[in-house]
Amino acid sequence: MGNPTIATRFSITPSPTAEPVLIALAKLTGKPKAAIVRDLIDAAIPALRVTLEAVAVAKTNPERMIALLNEMAAKSIHDLTGAQMDLAIKVAKKPGRKPKVRDR
């Protein structure tokens, strides 16, 4: 048996639409594509948990499933908007000189 603290690896094939975006992000950030995908999956875990619950509930209570999917959609929009704002702030910052430290 393997070490339980090490995550299972698996392969994915990005869609033709996703691959150029991943390549561009990798070049701009200096991060490997796999690290970018891992970060995206980690960021999506809350939405995936809601989806998991919604699928489980769908079998017994379709009305509750619709409410859970609406909650997931609202959370996703909120999270994406926040990430876009964070990125816009980072991009808008212009590099400048570091303040000089005075000797006292």
N, C-alpha and C. Protein backbone atom coordinates (compact mmCIF):
# COMPACT_ATOMS: atom_id res chain seq x y z
N MET A 1 0.83 -1.19 0.00
CA MET A 1 0.00 0.00 0.00
C MET A 1 0.87 1.24 0.00
N GLY A 2 0.34 2.32 -0.59
CA GLY A 2 1.07 3.57 -0.66
C GLY A 2 0.90 4.41 0.60
N ASN A 3 1.58 5.49 0.61
CA ASN A 3 1.51 6.43 1.71
C ASN A 3 0.17 7.16 1.65
N PRO A 4 -0.67 7.12 2.72
CA PRO A 4 -1.99 7.75 2.66
C PRO A 4 -1.93 9.28 2.62
N THR A 5 -0.77 9.88 2.90
CA THR A 5 -0.69 11.34 2.86
C THR A 5 -0.38 11.86 1.46
N ILE A 6 -0.02 10.96 0.55
CA ILE A 6 0.29 11.36 -0.82
C ILE A 6 -0.97 11.18 -1.66
N ALA A 7 -1.38 12.24 -2.37
CA ALA A 7 -2.58 12.20 -3.19
C ALA A 7 -2.38 11.28 -4.39
N THR A 8 -3.47 10.69 -4.82
CA THR A 8 -3.45 9.85 -6.01
C THR A 8 -3.26 10.72 -7.24
N ARG A 9 -2.41 10.28 -8.13
CA ARG A 9 -2.20 11.02 -9.39
C ARG A 9 -3.10 10.44 -10.45
N PHE A 10 -3.55 11.31 -11.35
CA PHE A 10 -4.30 10.86 -12.52
C PHE A 10 -4.04 11.82 -13.66
N SER A 11 -4.29 11.36 -14.89
CA SER A 11 -4.01 12.23 -16.03
C SER A 11 -5.31 12.82 -16.56
N ILE A 12 -5.16 14.01 -17.12
CA ILE A 12 -6.28 14.66 -17.80
C ILE A 12 -5.78 15.15 -19.15
N THR A 13 -6.70 15.30 -20.06
CA THR A 13 -6.38 15.89 -21.35
C THR A 13 -7.21 17.16 -21.46
N PRO A 14 -6.57 18.32 -21.47
CA PRO A 14 -7.34 19.56 -21.57
C PRO A 14 -8.06 19.64 -22.91
N SER A 15 -9.21 20.28 -22.89
CA SER A 15 -9.94 20.48 -24.14
C SER A 15 -9.16 21.45 -25.02
N PRO A 16 -9.47 21.46 -26.31
CA PRO A 16 -8.79 22.40 -27.20
C PRO A 16 -9.00 23.87 -26.79
N THR A 17 -10.09 24.14 -26.11
CA THR A 17 -10.35 25.50 -25.63
C THR A 17 -9.51 25.81 -24.39
N ALA A 18 -9.36 24.83 -23.51
CA ALA A 18 -8.66 25.06 -22.24
C ALA A 18 -7.15 25.08 -22.38
N GLU A 19 -6.61 24.27 -23.28
CA GLU A 19 -5.15 24.13 -23.37
C GLU A 19 -4.42 25.44 -23.65
N PRO A 20 -4.85 26.26 -24.61
CA PRO A 20 -4.11 27.51 -24.84
C PRO A 20 -4.15 28.44 -23.63
N VAL A 21 -5.26 28.41 -22.90
CA VAL A 21 -5.36 29.25 -21.70
C VAL A 21 -4.38 28.76 -20.64
N LEU A 22 -4.31 27.44 -20.45
CA LEU A 22 -3.37 26.88 -19.48
C LEU A 22 -1.93 27.18 -19.88
N ILE A 23 -1.62 27.08 -21.15
CA ILE A 23 -0.26 27.37 -21.63
C ILE A 23 0.08 28.83 -21.35
N ALA A 24 -0.85 29.73 -21.67
CA ALA A 24 -0.60 31.16 -21.45
C ALA A 24 -0.42 31.46 -19.97
N LEU A 25 -1.27 30.88 -19.11
CA LEU A 25 -1.13 31.10 -17.66
C LEU A 25 0.19 30.55 -17.15
N ALA A 26 0.57 29.40 -17.65
CA ALA A 26 1.85 28.80 -17.22
C ALA A 26 3.02 29.71 -17.59
N LYS A 27 2.98 30.26 -18.79
CA LYS A 27 4.07 31.15 -19.21
C LYS A 27 4.09 32.42 -18.38
N LEU A 28 2.93 33.01 -18.14
CA LEU A 28 2.87 34.27 -17.40
C LEU A 28 3.20 34.12 -15.92
N THR A 29 2.78 33.00 -15.33
CA THR A 29 2.98 32.82 -13.89
C THR A 29 4.25 32.05 -13.55
N GLY A 30 4.79 31.33 -14.54
CA GLY A 30 5.96 30.51 -14.25
C GLY A 30 5.60 29.22 -13.52
N LYS A 31 4.31 28.92 -13.42
CA LYS A 31 3.86 27.69 -12.75
C LYS A 31 3.59 26.62 -13.80
N PRO A 32 3.83 25.37 -13.47
CA PRO A 32 3.50 24.30 -14.41
C PRO A 32 1.98 24.21 -14.60
N LYS A 33 1.57 23.73 -15.77
CA LYS A 33 0.13 23.59 -16.04
C LYS A 33 -0.54 22.70 -14.99
N ALA A 34 0.14 21.65 -14.57
CA ALA A 34 -0.45 20.76 -13.57
C ALA A 34 -0.72 21.49 -12.26
N ALA A 35 0.17 22.39 -11.87
CA ALA A 35 -0.05 23.15 -10.62
C ALA A 35 -1.23 24.10 -10.77
N ILE A 36 -1.39 24.69 -11.95
CA ILE A 36 -2.53 25.57 -12.19
C ILE A 36 -3.83 24.78 -12.11
N VAL A 37 -3.87 23.61 -12.73
CA VAL A 37 -5.07 22.78 -12.69
C VAL A 37 -5.35 22.33 -11.26
N ARG A 38 -4.32 21.94 -10.51
CA ARG A 38 -4.50 21.54 -9.12
C ARG A 38 -5.09 22.68 -8.30
N ASP A 39 -4.58 23.90 -8.50
CA ASP A 39 -5.10 25.06 -7.78
C ASP A 39 -6.56 25.32 -8.14
N LEU A 40 -6.90 25.16 -9.42
CA LEU A 40 -8.29 25.35 -9.85
C LEU A 40 -9.21 24.32 -9.21
N ILE A 41 -8.75 23.07 -9.17
CA ILE A 41 -9.56 22.02 -8.54
C ILE A 41 -9.74 22.32 -7.06
N ASP A 42 -8.66 22.71 -6.38
CA ASP A 42 -8.77 23.05 -4.96
C ASP A 42 -9.76 24.19 -4.74
N ALA A 43 -9.73 25.19 -5.62
CA ALA A 43 -10.64 26.32 -5.49
C ALA A 43 -12.08 25.90 -5.76
N ALA A 44 -12.27 24.85 -6.55
CA ALA A 44 -13.62 24.40 -6.89
C ALA A 44 -14.22 23.43 -5.88
N ILE A 45 -13.44 22.99 -4.89
CA ILE A 45 -13.93 21.99 -3.94
C ILE A 45 -15.23 22.39 -3.26
N PRO A 46 -15.40 23.63 -2.78
CA PRO A 46 -16.69 23.97 -2.16
C PRO A 46 -17.87 23.75 -3.13
N ALA A 47 -17.72 24.17 -4.37
CA ALA A 47 -18.78 23.97 -5.36
C ALA A 47 -18.98 22.48 -5.66
N LEU A 48 -17.89 21.73 -5.70
CA LEU A 48 -18.00 20.29 -5.96
C LEU A 48 -18.71 19.58 -4.81
N ARG A 49 -18.47 20.03 -3.58
CA ARG A 49 -19.17 19.43 -2.42
C ARG A 49 -20.67 19.68 -2.52
N VAL A 50 -21.05 20.90 -2.90
CA VAL A 50 -22.47 21.21 -3.06
C VAL A 50 -23.06 20.35 -4.18
N THR A 51 -22.31 20.17 -5.26
CA THR A 51 -22.77 19.33 -6.37
C THR A 51 -22.96 17.89 -5.91
N LEU A 52 -22.01 17.40 -5.14
CA LEU A 52 -22.11 16.04 -4.61
C LEU A 52 -23.37 15.88 -3.78
N GLU A 53 -23.62 16.84 -2.90
CA GLU A 53 -24.82 16.78 -2.07
C GLU A 53 -26.08 16.86 -2.95
N ALA A 54 -26.04 17.74 -3.95
CA ALA A 54 -27.20 17.91 -4.82
C ALA A 54 -27.52 16.62 -5.58
N VAL A 55 -26.51 15.95 -6.06
CA VAL A 55 -26.73 14.70 -6.80
C VAL A 55 -27.31 13.64 -5.86
N ALA A 56 -26.79 13.59 -4.63
CA ALA A 56 -27.32 12.63 -3.66
C ALA A 56 -28.77 12.94 -3.31
N VAL A 57 -29.08 14.22 -3.12
CA VAL A 57 -30.44 14.63 -2.76
C VAL A 57 -31.39 14.45 -3.94
N ALA A 58 -30.89 14.60 -5.16
CA ALA A 58 -31.74 14.52 -6.35
C ALA A 58 -32.50 13.21 -6.43
N LYS A 59 -31.93 12.19 -5.89
CA LYS A 59 -32.58 10.88 -5.94
C LYS A 59 -33.84 10.83 -5.09
N THR A 60 -33.89 11.66 -4.03
CA THR A 60 -35.04 11.60 -3.12
C THR A 60 -35.86 12.88 -3.06
N ASN A 61 -35.25 14.05 -3.40
CA ASN A 61 -35.94 15.32 -3.21
C ASN A 61 -35.53 16.31 -4.32
N PRO A 62 -36.17 16.25 -5.48
CA PRO A 62 -35.77 17.11 -6.60
C PRO A 62 -35.87 18.61 -6.30
N GLU A 63 -36.83 19.04 -5.48
CA GLU A 63 -36.95 20.46 -5.15
C GLU A 63 -35.74 20.94 -4.37
N ARG A 64 -35.28 20.14 -3.44
CA ARG A 64 -34.08 20.49 -2.65
C ARG A 64 -32.87 20.54 -3.57
N MET A 65 -32.81 19.65 -4.57
CA MET A 65 -31.69 19.63 -5.50
C MET A 65 -31.62 20.96 -6.27
N ILE A 66 -32.76 21.45 -6.70
CA ILE A 66 -32.78 22.72 -7.44
C ILE A 66 -32.27 23.85 -6.55
N ALA A 67 -32.67 23.87 -5.29
CA ALA A 67 -32.18 24.90 -4.36
C ALA A 67 -30.67 24.79 -4.17
N LEU A 68 -30.15 23.58 -4.05
CA LEU A 68 -28.71 23.39 -3.88
C LEU A 68 -27.94 23.83 -5.12
N LEU A 69 -28.46 23.53 -6.30
CA LEU A 69 -27.79 23.95 -7.54
C LEU A 69 -27.80 25.48 -7.67
N ASN A 70 -28.90 26.11 -7.27
CA ASN A 70 -28.94 27.57 -7.28
C ASN A 70 -27.91 28.15 -6.31
N GLU A 71 -27.77 27.53 -5.15
CA GLU A 71 -26.76 27.96 -4.16
C GLU A 71 -25.36 27.81 -4.74
N MET A 72 -25.11 26.69 -5.41
CA MET A 72 -23.79 26.46 -6.00
C MET A 72 -23.50 27.50 -7.08
N ALA A 73 -24.49 27.79 -7.91
CA ALA A 73 -24.28 28.77 -8.98
C ALA A 73 -23.98 30.15 -8.39
N ALA A 74 -24.71 30.54 -7.37
CA ALA A 74 -24.48 31.84 -6.74
C ALA A 74 -23.09 31.90 -6.12
N LYS A 75 -22.66 30.82 -5.46
CA LYS A 75 -21.33 30.79 -4.84
C LYS A 75 -20.25 30.86 -5.90
N SER A 76 -20.45 30.14 -6.99
CA SER A 76 -19.45 30.16 -8.06
C SER A 76 -19.30 31.56 -8.65
N ILE A 77 -20.42 32.22 -8.89
CA ILE A 77 -20.37 33.58 -9.43
C ILE A 77 -19.67 34.51 -8.44
N HIS A 78 -19.98 34.37 -7.17
CA HIS A 78 -19.35 35.20 -6.13
C HIS A 78 -17.85 34.97 -6.10
N ASP A 79 -17.44 33.70 -6.10
CA ASP A 79 -16.01 33.37 -6.05
C ASP A 79 -15.26 33.86 -7.29
N LEU A 80 -15.86 33.67 -8.45
CA LEU A 80 -15.21 34.11 -9.69
C LEU A 80 -15.09 35.63 -9.74
N THR A 81 -16.12 36.33 -9.28
CA THR A 81 -16.07 37.79 -9.26
C THR A 81 -14.96 38.27 -8.34
N GLY A 82 -14.85 37.63 -7.17
CA GLY A 82 -13.78 37.99 -6.24
C GLY A 82 -12.41 37.74 -6.84
N ALA A 83 -12.25 36.61 -7.51
CA ALA A 83 -10.95 36.29 -8.13
C ALA A 83 -10.63 37.29 -9.24
N GLN A 84 -11.63 37.67 -10.02
CA GLN A 84 -11.40 38.65 -11.09
C GLN A 84 -11.00 40.00 -10.50
N MET A 85 -11.64 40.39 -9.41
CA MET A 85 -11.29 41.67 -8.77
C MET A 85 -9.87 41.63 -8.21
N ASP A 86 -9.51 40.51 -7.57
CA ASP A 86 -8.15 40.36 -7.05
C ASP A 86 -7.12 40.47 -8.17
N LEU A 87 -7.41 39.81 -9.27
CA LEU A 87 -6.49 39.84 -10.41
C LEU A 87 -6.40 41.26 -10.98
N ALA A 88 -7.52 41.94 -11.10
CA ALA A 88 -7.52 43.30 -11.63
C ALA A 88 -6.69 44.23 -10.74
N ILE A 89 -6.79 44.05 -9.45
CA ILE A 89 -6.00 44.87 -8.52
C ILE A 89 -4.52 44.59 -8.69
N LYS A 90 -4.15 43.31 -8.80
CA LYS A 90 -2.74 42.95 -8.97
C LYS A 90 -2.19 43.49 -10.28
N VAL A 91 -2.98 43.41 -11.34
CA VAL A 91 -2.53 43.88 -12.65
C VAL A 91 -2.41 45.41 -12.66
N ALA A 92 -3.29 46.09 -11.95
CA ALA A 92 -3.30 47.56 -11.95
C ALA A 92 -2.14 48.15 -11.16
N LYS A 93 -1.59 47.39 -10.22
CA LYS A 93 -0.46 47.90 -9.43
C LYS A 93 0.76 48.05 -10.33
N LYS A 94 1.36 49.18 -10.25
CA LYS A 94 2.55 49.44 -11.05
C LYS A 94 3.78 49.26 -10.18
N PRO A 95 4.79 48.64 -10.74
CA PRO A 95 6.01 48.48 -9.95
C PRO A 95 6.62 49.85 -9.66
N GLY A 96 7.12 50.00 -8.49
CA GLY A 96 7.74 51.28 -8.13
C GLY A 96 8.96 51.03 -7.26
N ARG A 97 9.53 52.10 -6.84
CA ARG A 97 10.69 51.98 -5.97
C ARG A 97 10.26 51.58 -4.58
N LYS A 98 11.12 50.83 -3.96
CA LYS A 98 10.87 50.47 -2.57
C LYS A 98 11.25 51.67 -1.71
N PRO A 99 10.49 51.91 -0.67
CA PRO A 99 10.83 53.05 0.19
C PRO A 99 12.20 52.81 0.84
N LYS A 100 12.96 53.88 0.96
CA LYS A 100 14.27 53.77 1.60
C LYS A 100 14.11 53.70 3.10
N VAL A 101 14.92 52.86 3.69
CA VAL A 101 14.89 52.71 5.14
C VAL A 101 15.96 53.66 5.70
N ARG A 102 15.54 54.51 6.60
CA ARG A 102 16.48 55.46 7.20
C ARG A 102 17.19 54.81 8.38
N ASP A 103 18.46 55.08 8.47
CA ASP A 103 19.23 54.64 9.63
C ASP A 103 18.97 55.62 10.77
N ARG A 104 18.75 55.12 11.94
CA ARG A 104 18.51 56.00 13.07
C ARG A 104 19.55 55.86 14.11
